[in-house]
Amino acid sequence: MPLIPKTPAEWTRSFAVPLLATCILVIMALLAGGFSGGREWRYWGTPIASVLLPLLGLSLGLSCLCGTGLSRGFRILALIIAVLSVLFGPMLGPGYAE
């Protein structure tokens, strides 16, 4: 794989794979932070869950729907994670504002 993508399929993969990994990591971090509590989650949990996670999910969904070169299985998994990120994030936000 070249350092700088040349085809539209390579550009799509270079955006979609890191966005999928980031969405999954942020969801896992929010769930782990919600169970452990702590002062930092009281301050940073709401903005991360209400703003960052839905934006990441929206970006992932757009890159999967509008891009080319992704396998069908990856696209289905990425769209499921994108929908969960957009819907799940705002639901988690108020829980961190204790």
PDB file of N, CA and C in Angstrom:
ATOM      1  N   MET A   1       0.842  -1.166   0.000  1.00  0.00           N
ATOM      2  CA  MET A   1       0.000   0.000   0.000  1.00  0.00           C
ATOM      3  C   MET A   1       0.899   1.245   0.000  1.00  0.00           C
ATOM      4  N   PRO A   2       0.675   2.154  -0.909  1.00  0.00           N
ATOM      5  CA  PRO A   2       1.513   3.351  -0.965  1.00  0.00           C
ATOM      6  C   PRO A   2       1.221   4.291   0.212  1.00  0.00           C
ATOM      7  N   LEU A   3       2.161   5.170   0.453  1.00  0.00           N
ATOM      8  CA  LEU A   3       2.010   6.120   1.557  1.00  0.00           C
ATOM      9  C   LEU A   3       0.874   7.107   1.282  1.00  0.00           C
ATOM     10  N   ILE A   4       0.784   7.593   0.060  1.00  0.00           N
ATOM     11  CA  ILE A   4      -0.278   8.508  -0.339  1.00  0.00           C
ATOM     12  C   ILE A   4      -1.219   7.763  -1.278  1.00  0.00           C
ATOM     13  N   PRO A   5      -2.495   7.637  -0.928  1.00  0.00           N
ATOM     14  CA  PRO A   5      -3.436   6.912  -1.787  1.00  0.00           C
ATOM     15  C   PRO A   5      -3.603   7.605  -3.135  1.00  0.00           C
ATOM     16  N   LYS A   6      -3.813   6.798  -4.170  1.00  0.00           N
ATOM     17  CA  LYS A   6      -3.941   7.349  -5.517  1.00  0.00           C
ATOM     18  C   LYS A   6      -5.339   7.164  -6.086  1.00  0.00           C
ATOM     19  N   THR A   7      -5.991   6.045  -5.781  1.00  0.00           N
ATOM     20  CA  THR A   7      -7.306   5.773  -6.344  1.00  0.00           C
ATOM     21  C   THR A   7      -8.394   6.128  -5.329  1.00  0.00           C
ATOM     22  N   PRO A   8      -9.624   6.331  -5.796  1.00  0.00           N
ATOM     23  CA  PRO A   8     -10.721   6.611  -4.855  1.00  0.00           C
ATOM     24  C   PRO A   8     -10.950   5.479  -3.847  1.00  0.00           C
ATOM     25  N   ALA A   9     -10.736   4.237  -4.269  1.00  0.00           N
ATOM     26  CA  ALA A   9     -10.910   3.112  -3.346  1.00  0.00           C
ATOM     27  C   ALA A   9      -9.875   3.163  -2.220  1.00  0.00           C
ATOM     28  N   GLU A  10      -8.644   3.524  -2.542  1.00  0.00           N
ATOM     29  CA  GLU A  10      -7.606   3.635  -1.510  1.00  0.00           C
ATOM     30  C   GLU A  10      -7.914   4.794  -0.560  1.00  0.00           C
ATOM     31  N   TRP A  11      -8.437   5.898  -1.090  1.00  0.00           N
ATOM     32  CA  TRP A  11      -8.811   7.021  -0.228  1.00  0.00           C
ATOM     33  C   TRP A  11      -9.927   6.623   0.722  1.00  0.00           C
ATOM     34  N   THR A  12     -10.909   5.898   0.218  1.00  0.00           N
ATOM     35  CA  THR A  12     -12.012   5.461   1.075  1.00  0.00           C
ATOM     36  C   THR A  12     -11.517   4.555   2.182  1.00  0.00           C
ATOM     37  N   ARG A  13     -10.677   3.587   1.827  1.00  0.00           N
ATOM     38  CA  ARG A  13     -10.137   2.681   2.856  1.00  0.00           C
ATOM     39  C   ARG A  13      -9.279   3.437   3.862  1.00  0.00           C
ATOM     40  N   SER A  14      -8.529   4.433   3.400  1.00  0.00           N
ATOM     41  CA  SER A  14      -7.664   5.161   4.326  1.00  0.00           C
ATOM     42  C   SER A  14      -8.459   6.025   5.300  1.00  0.00           C
ATOM     43  N   PHE A  15      -9.703   6.354   4.970  1.00  0.00           N
ATOM     44  CA  PHE A  15     -10.557   7.083   5.906  1.00  0.00           C
ATOM     45  C   PHE A  15     -11.432   6.151   6.735  1.00  0.00           C
ATOM     46  N   ALA A  16     -11.985   5.122   6.105  1.00  0.00           N
ATOM     47  CA  ALA A  16     -12.987   4.293   6.772  1.00  0.00           C
ATOM     48  C   ALA A  16     -12.397   3.404   7.868  1.00  0.00           C
ATOM     49  N   VAL A  17     -11.254   2.827   7.622  1.00  0.00           N
ATOM     50  CA  VAL A  17     -10.674   1.905   8.617  1.00  0.00           C
ATOM     51  C   VAL A  17     -10.292   2.645   9.909  1.00  0.00           C
ATOM     52  N   PRO A  18      -9.585   3.776   9.852  1.00  0.00           N
ATOM     53  CA  PRO A  18      -9.301   4.480  11.111  1.00  0.00           C
ATOM     54  C   PRO A  18     -10.551   5.037  11.801  1.00  0.00           C
ATOM     55  N   LEU A  19     -11.541   5.478  11.019  1.00  0.00           N
ATOM     56  CA  LEU A  19     -12.767   5.968  11.631  1.00  0.00           C
ATOM     57  C   LEU A  19     -13.512   4.853  12.356  1.00  0.00           C
ATOM     58  N   LEU A  20     -13.537   3.665  11.771  1.00  0.00           N
ATOM     59  CA  LEU A  20     -14.180   2.525  12.431  1.00  0.00           C
ATOM     60  C   LEU A  20     -13.458   2.187  13.733  1.00  0.00           C
ATOM     61  N   ALA A  21     -12.136   2.126  13.680  1.00  0.00           N
ATOM     62  CA  ALA A  21     -11.361   1.817  14.887  1.00  0.00           C
ATOM     63  C   ALA A  21     -11.563   2.885  15.962  1.00  0.00           C
ATOM     64  N   THR A  22     -11.611   4.146  15.567  1.00  0.00           N
ATOM     65  CA  THR A  22     -11.798   5.229  16.529  1.00  0.00           C
ATOM     66  C   THR A  22     -13.185   5.176  17.157  1.00  0.00           C
ATOM     67  N   CYS A  23     -14.205   4.909  16.360  1.00  0.00           N
ATOM     68  CA  CYS A  23     -15.560   4.792  16.909  1.00  0.00           C
ATOM     69  C   CYS A  23     -15.641   3.665  17.932  1.00  0.00           C
ATOM     70  N   ILE A  24     -15.069   2.535  17.597  1.00  0.00           N
ATOM     71  CA  ILE A  24     -15.106   1.399  18.525  1.00  0.00           C
ATOM     72  C   ILE A  24     -14.347   1.722  19.807  1.00  0.00           C
ATOM     73  N   LEU A  25     -13.170   2.347  19.686  1.00  0.00           N
ATOM     74  CA  LEU A  25     -12.395   2.692  20.878  1.00  0.00           C
ATOM     75  C   LEU A  25     -13.091   3.725  21.751  1.00  0.00           C
ATOM     76  N   VAL A  26     -13.739   4.711  21.139  1.00  0.00           N
ATOM     77  CA  VAL A  26     -14.443   5.725  21.924  1.00  0.00           C
ATOM     78  C   VAL A  26     -15.644   5.114  22.631  1.00  0.00           C
ATOM     79  N   ILE A  27     -16.383   4.240  21.967  1.00  0.00           N
ATOM     80  CA  ILE A  27     -17.510   3.571  22.618  1.00  0.00           C
ATOM     81  C   ILE A  27     -17.019   2.734  23.799  1.00  0.00           C
ATOM     82  N   MET A  28     -15.943   1.989  23.589  1.00  0.00           N
ATOM     83  CA  MET A  28     -15.400   1.163  24.683  1.00  0.00           C
ATOM     84  C   MET A  28     -14.903   2.039  25.840  1.00  0.00           C
ATOM     85  N   ALA A  29     -14.248   3.157  25.522  1.00  0.00           N
ATOM     86  CA  ALA A  29     -13.752   4.046  26.570  1.00  0.00           C
ATOM     87  C   ALA A  29     -14.902   4.689  27.337  1.00  0.00           C
ATOM     88  N   LEU A  30     -15.969   5.065  26.629  1.00  0.00           N
ATOM     89  CA  LEU A  30     -17.120   5.641  27.320  1.00  0.00           C
ATOM     90  C   LEU A  30     -17.783   4.631  28.239  1.00  0.00           C
ATOM     91  N   LEU A  31     -17.906   3.410  27.778  1.00  0.00           N
ATOM     92  CA  LEU A  31     -18.516   2.388  28.634  1.00  0.00           C
ATOM     93  C   LEU A  31     -17.631   2.073  29.832  1.00  0.00           C
ATOM     94  N   ALA A  32     -16.331   1.965  29.627  1.00  0.00           N
ATOM     95  CA  ALA A  32     -15.417   1.693  30.737  1.00  0.00           C
ATOM     96  C   ALA A  32     -15.361   2.870  31.697  1.00  0.00           C
ATOM     97  N   GLY A  33     -15.368   4.072  31.177  1.00  0.00           N
ATOM     98  CA  GLY A  33     -15.349   5.251  32.032  1.00  0.00           C
ATOM     99  C   GLY A  33     -16.631   5.426  32.818  1.00  0.00           C
ATOM    100  N   GLY A  34     -17.738   4.994  32.237  1.00  0.00           N
ATOM    101  CA  GLY A  34     -19.006   5.081  32.948  1.00  0.00           C
ATOM    102  C   GLY A  34     -19.067   4.152  34.141  1.00  0.00           C
ATOM    103  N   PHE A  35     -18.407   3.010  34.046  1.00  0.00           N
ATOM    104  CA  PHE A  35     -18.406   2.070  35.159  1.00  0.00           C
ATOM    105  C   PHE A  35     -17.415   2.468  36.244  1.00  0.00           C
ATOM    106  N   SER A  36     -16.282   3.056  35.847  1.00  0.00           N
ATOM    107  CA  SER A  36     -15.269   3.398  36.841  1.00  0.00           C
ATOM    108  C   SER A  36     -15.532   4.737  37.506  1.00  0.00           C
ATOM    109  N   GLY A  37     -16.279   5.607  36.845  1.00  0.00           N
ATOM    110  CA  GLY A  37     -16.563   6.922  37.412  1.00  0.00           C
ATOM    111  C   GLY A  37     -15.336   7.804  37.322  1.00  0.00           C
ATOM    112  N   GLY A  38     -15.145   8.637  38.283  1.00  0.00           N
ATOM    113  CA  GLY A  38     -13.982   9.512  38.305  1.00  0.00           C
ATOM    114  C   GLY A  38     -14.327  10.927  37.891  1.00  0.00           C
ATOM    115  N   ARG A  39     -13.510  11.835  38.353  1.00  0.00           N
ATOM    116  CA  ARG A  39     -13.765  13.244  38.103  1.00  0.00           C
ATOM    117  C   ARG A  39     -13.589  13.621  36.638  1.00  0.00           C
ATOM    118  N   GLU A  40     -12.596  13.007  35.967  1.00  0.00           N
ATOM    119  CA  GLU A  40     -12.365  13.364  34.571  1.00  0.00           C
ATOM    120  C   GLU A  40     -13.533  12.972  33.671  1.00  0.00           C
ATOM    121  N   TRP A  41     -14.231  11.896  34.001  1.00  0.00           N
ATOM    122  CA  TRP A  41     -15.386  11.504  33.192  1.00  0.00           C
ATOM    123  C   TRP A  41     -16.563  12.423  33.432  1.00  0.00           C
ATOM    124  N   ARG A  42     -16.631  13.033  34.620  1.00  0.00           N
ATOM    125  CA  ARG A  42     -17.707  13.982  34.876  1.00  0.00           C
ATOM    126  C   ARG A  42     -17.549  15.220  34.000  1.00  0.00           C
ATOM    127  N   TYR A  43     -16.308  15.627  33.729  1.00  0.00           N
ATOM    128  CA  TYR A  43     -16.072  16.811  32.907  1.00  0.00           C
ATOM    129  C   TYR A  43     -15.997  16.495  31.415  1.00  0.00           C
ATOM    130  N   TRP A  44     -15.371  15.406  31.046  1.00  0.00           N
ATOM    131  CA  TRP A  44     -15.133  15.109  29.636  1.00  0.00           C
ATOM    132  C   TRP A  44     -16.091  14.104  29.049  1.00  0.00           C
ATOM    133  N   GLY A  45     -16.837  13.379  29.850  1.00  0.00           N
ATOM    134  CA  GLY A  45     -17.730  12.344  29.338  1.00  0.00           C
ATOM    135  C   GLY A  45     -18.865  12.884  28.492  1.00  0.00           C
ATOM    136  N   THR A  46     -19.483  13.969  28.947  1.00  0.00           N
ATOM    137  CA  THR A  46     -20.611  14.530  28.211  1.00  0.00           C
ATOM    138  C   THR A  46     -20.202  15.089  26.851  1.00  0.00           C
ATOM    139  N   PRO A  47     -19.147  15.911  26.729  1.00  0.00           N
ATOM    140  CA  PRO A  47     -18.775  16.389  25.395  1.00  0.00           C
ATOM    141  C   PRO A  47     -18.321  15.274  24.456  1.00  0.00           C
ATOM    142  N   ILE A  48     -17.636  14.282  25.002  1.00  0.00           N
ATOM    143  CA  ILE A  48     -17.187  13.182  24.152  1.00  0.00           C
ATOM    144  C   ILE A  48     -18.386  12.383  23.662  1.00  0.00           C
ATOM    145  N   ALA A  49     -19.317  12.084  24.556  1.00  0.00           N
ATOM    146  CA  ALA A  49     -20.468  11.269  24.177  1.00  0.00           C
ATOM    147  C   ALA A  49     -21.476  12.040  23.331  1.00  0.00           C
ATOM    148  N   SER A  50     -21.654  13.325  23.596  1.00  0.00           N
ATOM    149  CA  SER A  50     -22.686  14.086  22.903  1.00  0.00           C
ATOM    150  C   SER A  50     -22.220  14.723  21.601  1.00  0.00           C
ATOM    151  N   VAL A  51     -20.929  14.994  21.477  1.00  0.00           N
ATOM    152  CA  VAL A  51     -20.444  15.701  20.289  1.00  0.00           C
ATOM    153  C   VAL A  51     -19.480  14.849  19.472  1.00  0.00           C
ATOM    154  N   LEU A  52     -18.431  14.359  20.092  1.00  0.00           N
ATOM    155  CA  LEU A  52     -17.383  13.663  19.349  1.00  0.00           C
ATOM    156  C   LEU A  52     -17.866  12.345  18.755  1.00  0.00           C
ATOM    157  N   LEU A  53     -18.526  11.526  19.539  1.00  0.00           N
ATOM    158  CA  LEU A  53     -18.963  10.219  19.053  1.00  0.00           C
ATOM    159  C   LEU A  53     -19.979  10.323  17.904  1.00  0.00           C
ATOM    160  N   PRO A  54     -21.005  11.192  17.986  1.00  0.00           N
ATOM    161  CA  PRO A  54     -21.897  11.320  16.827  1.00  0.00           C
ATOM    162  C   PRO A  54     -21.194  11.862  15.584  1.00  0.00           C
ATOM    163  N   LEU A  55     -20.238  12.772  15.747  1.00  0.00           N
ATOM    164  CA  LEU A  55     -19.502  13.277  14.586  1.00  0.00           C
ATOM    165  C   LEU A  55     -18.642  12.193  13.948  1.00  0.00           C
ATOM    166  N   LEU A  56     -18.014  11.381  14.771  1.00  0.00           N
ATOM    167  CA  LEU A  56     -17.245  10.258  14.231  1.00  0.00           C
ATOM    168  C   LEU A  56     -18.149   9.272  13.503  1.00  0.00           C
ATOM    169  N   GLY A  57     -19.311   8.981  14.077  1.00  0.00           N
ATOM    170  CA  GLY A  57     -20.255   8.074  13.437  1.00  0.00           C
ATOM    171  C   GLY A  57     -20.784   8.619  12.129  1.00  0.00           C
ATOM    172  N   LEU A  58     -21.065   9.907  12.094  1.00  0.00           N
ATOM    173  CA  LEU A  58     -21.532  10.533  10.859  1.00  0.00           C
ATOM    174  C   LEU A  58     -20.455  10.494   9.784  1.00  0.00           C
ATOM    175  N   SER A  59     -19.224  10.766  10.164  1.00  0.00           N
ATOM    176  CA  SER A  59     -18.112  10.703   9.213  1.00  0.00           C
ATOM    177  C   SER A  59     -17.907   9.291   8.685  1.00  0.00           C
ATOM    178  N   LEU A  60     -18.006   8.319   9.565  1.00  0.00           N
ATOM    179  CA  LEU A  60     -17.861   6.925   9.153  1.00  0.00           C
ATOM    180  C   LEU A  60     -18.986   6.514   8.217  1.00  0.00           C
ATOM    181  N   GLY A  61     -20.199   6.881   8.534  1.00  0.00           N
ATOM    182  CA  GLY A  61     -21.328   6.545   7.689  1.00  0.00           C
ATOM    183  C   GLY A  61     -21.237   7.170   6.311  1.00  0.00           C
ATOM    184  N   LEU A  62     -20.845   8.431   6.255  1.00  0.00           N
ATOM    185  CA  LEU A  62     -20.699   9.099   4.954  1.00  0.00           C
ATOM    186  C   LEU A  62     -19.577   8.501   4.128  1.00  0.00           C
ATOM    187  N   SER A  63     -18.475   8.161   4.769  1.00  0.00           N
ATOM    188  CA  SER A  63     -17.374   7.578   4.012  1.00  0.00           C
ATOM    189  C   SER A  63     -17.720   6.189   3.503  1.00  0.00           C
ATOM    190  N   CYS A  64     -18.559   5.458   4.224  1.00  0.00           N
ATOM    191  CA  CYS A  64     -18.964   4.122   3.758  1.00  0.00           C
ATOM    192  C   CYS A  64     -20.032   4.199   2.683  1.00  0.00           C
ATOM    193  N   LEU A  65     -20.960   5.139   2.818  1.00  0.00           N
ATOM    194  CA  LEU A  65     -22.031   5.243   1.825  1.00  0.00           C
ATOM    195  C   LEU A  65     -21.559   5.867   0.522  1.00  0.00           C
ATOM    196  N   CYS A  66     -20.716   6.862   0.608  1.00  0.00           N
ATOM    197  CA  CYS A  66     -20.289   7.594  -0.591  1.00  0.00           C
ATOM    198  C   CYS A  66     -19.007   7.055  -1.198  1.00  0.00           C
ATOM    199  N   GLY A  67     -18.256   6.281  -0.471  1.00  0.00           N
ATOM    200  CA  GLY A  67     -16.968   5.793  -0.953  1.00  0.00           C
ATOM    201  C   GLY A  67     -17.084   4.500  -1.738  1.00  0.00           C
ATOM    202  N   THR A  68     -15.980   4.150  -2.380  1.00  0.00           N
ATOM    203  CA  THR A  68     -15.921   2.909  -3.147  1.00  0.00           C
ATOM    204  C   THR A  68     -14.767   2.062  -2.628  1.00  0.00           C
ATOM    205  N   GLY A  69     -14.788   0.794  -2.988  1.00  0.00           N
ATOM    206  CA  GLY A  69     -13.666  -0.070  -2.678  1.00  0.00           C
ATOM    207  C   GLY A  69     -13.725  -0.796  -1.355  1.00  0.00           C
ATOM    208  N   LEU A  70     -14.826  -0.698  -0.637  1.00  0.00           N
ATOM    209  CA  LEU A  70     -14.948  -1.412   0.627  1.00  0.00           C
ATOM    210  C   LEU A  70     -15.695  -2.718   0.391  1.00  0.00           C
ATOM    211  N   SER A  71     -15.300  -3.738   1.113  1.00  0.00           N
ATOM    212  CA  SER A  71     -16.005  -5.015   0.989  1.00  0.00           C
ATOM    213  C   SER A  71     -17.389  -4.900   1.619  1.00  0.00           C
ATOM    214  N   ARG A  72     -18.261  -5.784   1.225  1.00  0.00           N
ATOM    215  CA  ARG A  72     -19.642  -5.729   1.698  1.00  0.00           C
ATOM    216  C   ARG A  72     -19.723  -5.958   3.206  1.00  0.00           C
ATOM    217  N   GLY A  73     -18.965  -6.902   3.733  1.00  0.00           N
ATOM    218  CA  GLY A  73     -18.980  -7.182   5.159  1.00  0.00           C
ATOM    219  C   GLY A  73     -18.470  -6.013   5.986  1.00  0.00           C
ATOM    220  N   PHE A  74     -17.375  -5.396   5.520  1.00  0.00           N
ATOM    221  CA  PHE A  74     -16.837  -4.236   6.230  1.00  0.00           C
ATOM    222  C   PHE A  74     -17.829  -3.087   6.200  1.00  0.00           C
ATOM    223  N   ARG A  75     -18.462  -2.886   5.059  1.00  0.00           N
ATOM    224  CA  ARG A  75     -19.417  -1.783   4.929  1.00  0.00           C
ATOM    225  C   ARG A  75     -20.611  -1.984   5.863  1.00  0.00           C
ATOM    226  N   ILE A  76     -21.116  -3.203   5.967  1.00  0.00           N
ATOM    227  CA  ILE A  76     -22.252  -3.477   6.866  1.00  0.00           C
ATOM    228  C   ILE A  76     -21.840  -3.247   8.322  1.00  0.00           C
ATOM    229  N   LEU A  77     -20.670  -3.768   8.705  1.00  0.00           N
ATOM    230  CA  LEU A  77     -20.182  -3.568  10.074  1.00  0.00           C
ATOM    231  C   LEU A  77     -19.968  -2.089  10.372  1.00  0.00           C
ATOM    232  N   ALA A  78     -19.377  -1.369   9.440  1.00  0.00           N
ATOM    233  CA  ALA A  78     -19.112   0.051   9.653  1.00  0.00           C
ATOM    234  C   ALA A  78     -20.406   0.851   9.748  1.00  0.00           C
ATOM    235  N   LEU A  79     -21.398   0.514   8.954  1.00  0.00           N
ATOM    236  CA  LEU A  79     -22.668   1.237   9.030  1.00  0.00           C
ATOM    237  C   LEU A  79     -23.403   0.943  10.331  1.00  0.00           C
ATOM    238  N   ILE A  80     -23.295  -0.276  10.835  1.00  0.00           N
ATOM    239  CA  ILE A  80     -23.903  -0.599  12.135  1.00  0.00           C
ATOM    240  C   ILE A  80     -23.227   0.202  13.242  1.00  0.00           C
ATOM    241  N   ILE A  81     -21.900   0.250  13.227  1.00  0.00           N
ATOM    242  CA  ILE A  81     -21.167   1.030  14.238  1.00  0.00           C
ATOM    243  C   ILE A  81     -21.477   2.517  14.099  1.00  0.00           C
ATOM    244  N   ALA A  82     -21.623   3.006  12.860  1.00  0.00           N
ATOM    245  CA  ALA A  82     -21.942   4.419  12.645  1.00  0.00           C
ATOM    246  C   ALA A  82     -23.321   4.764  13.210  1.00  0.00           C
ATOM    247  N   VAL A  83     -24.296   3.922  12.964  1.00  0.00           N
ATOM    248  CA  VAL A  83     -25.645   4.171  13.494  1.00  0.00           C
ATOM    249  C   VAL A  83     -25.633   4.113  15.017  1.00  0.00           C
ATOM    250  N   LEU A  84     -24.936   3.135  15.582  1.00  0.00           N
ATOM    251  CA  LEU A  84     -24.834   3.059  17.043  1.00  0.00           C
ATOM    252  C   LEU A  84     -24.150   4.291  17.619  1.00  0.00           C
ATOM    253  N   SER A  85     -23.133   4.784  16.940  1.00  0.00           N
ATOM    254  CA  SER A  85     -22.424   5.966  17.430  1.00  0.00           C
ATOM    255  C   SER A  85     -23.315   7.190  17.416  1.00  0.00           C
ATOM    256  N   VAL A  86     -24.081   7.351  16.357  1.00  0.00           N
ATOM    257  CA  VAL A  86     -24.942   8.528  16.250  1.00  0.00           C
ATOM    258  C   VAL A  86     -26.104   8.454  17.246  1.00  0.00           C
ATOM    259  N   LEU A  87     -26.649   7.268  17.448  1.00  0.00           N
ATOM    260  CA  LEU A  87     -27.790   7.140  18.355  1.00  0.00           C
ATOM    261  C   LEU A  87     -27.383   6.913  19.809  1.00  0.00           C
ATOM    262  N   PHE A  88     -26.291   6.211  20.026  1.00  0.00           N
ATOM    263  CA  PHE A  88     -25.869   5.812  21.360  1.00  0.00           C
ATOM    264  C   PHE A  88     -25.170   6.955  22.107  1.00  0.00           C
ATOM    265  N   GLY A  89     -24.455   7.813  21.391  1.00  0.00           N
ATOM    266  CA  GLY A  89     -23.703   8.894  22.020  1.00  0.00           C
ATOM    267  C   GLY A  89     -24.558   9.874  22.797  1.00  0.00           C
ATOM    268  N   PRO A  90     -25.576  10.474  22.171  1.00  0.00           N
ATOM    269  CA  PRO A  90     -26.409  11.421  22.926  1.00  0.00           C
ATOM    270  C   PRO A  90     -27.166  10.785  24.087  1.00  0.00           C
ATOM    271  N   MET A  91     -27.403   9.483  24.019  1.00  0.00           N
ATOM    272  CA  MET A  91     -28.056   8.816  25.152  1.00  0.00           C
ATOM    273  C   MET A  91     -27.105   8.667  26.334  1.00  0.00           C
ATOM    274  N   LEU A  92     -25.806   8.519  26.068  1.00  0.00           N
ATOM    275  CA  LEU A  92     -24.830   8.374  27.143  1.00  0.00           C
ATOM    276  C   LEU A  92     -24.459   9.704  27.784  1.00  0.00           C
ATOM    277  N   GLY A  93     -24.543  10.790  27.033  1.00  0.00           N
ATOM    278  CA  GLY A  93     -24.080  12.094  27.495  1.00  0.00           C
ATOM    279  C   GLY A  93     -24.634  12.550  28.831  1.00  0.00           C
ATOM    280  N   PRO A  94     -25.943  12.546  29.045  1.00  0.00           N
ATOM    281  CA  PRO A  94     -26.461  13.031  30.332  1.00  0.00           C
ATOM    282  C   PRO A  94     -26.070  12.184  31.522  1.00  0.00           C
ATOM    283  N   GLY A  95     -25.729  10.934  31.313  1.00  0.00           N
ATOM    284  CA  GLY A  95     -25.345  10.077  32.425  1.00  0.00           C
ATOM    285  C   GLY A  95     -24.008  10.458  33.056  1.00  0.00           C
ATOM    286  N   TYR A  96     -23.168  11.151  32.315  1.00  0.00           N
ATOM    287  CA  TYR A  96     -21.863  11.548  32.841  1.00  0.00           C
ATOM    288  C   TYR A  96     -21.908  12.887  33.575  1.00  0.00           C
ATOM    289  N   ALA A  97     -22.991  13.620  33.479  1.00  0.00           N
ATOM    290  CA  ALA A  97     -23.056  14.972  34.034  1.00  0.00           C
ATOM    291  C   ALA A  97     -23.463  15.023  35.495  1.00  0.00           C
ATOM    292  N   GLU A  98     -23.516  13.936  36.175  1.00  0.00           N
ATOM    293  CA  GLU A  98     -23.916  13.806  37.568  1.00  0.00           C
ATOM    294  C   GLU A  98     -23.872  15.092  38.299  1.00  0.00           C
TER     295      GLU A  98
END
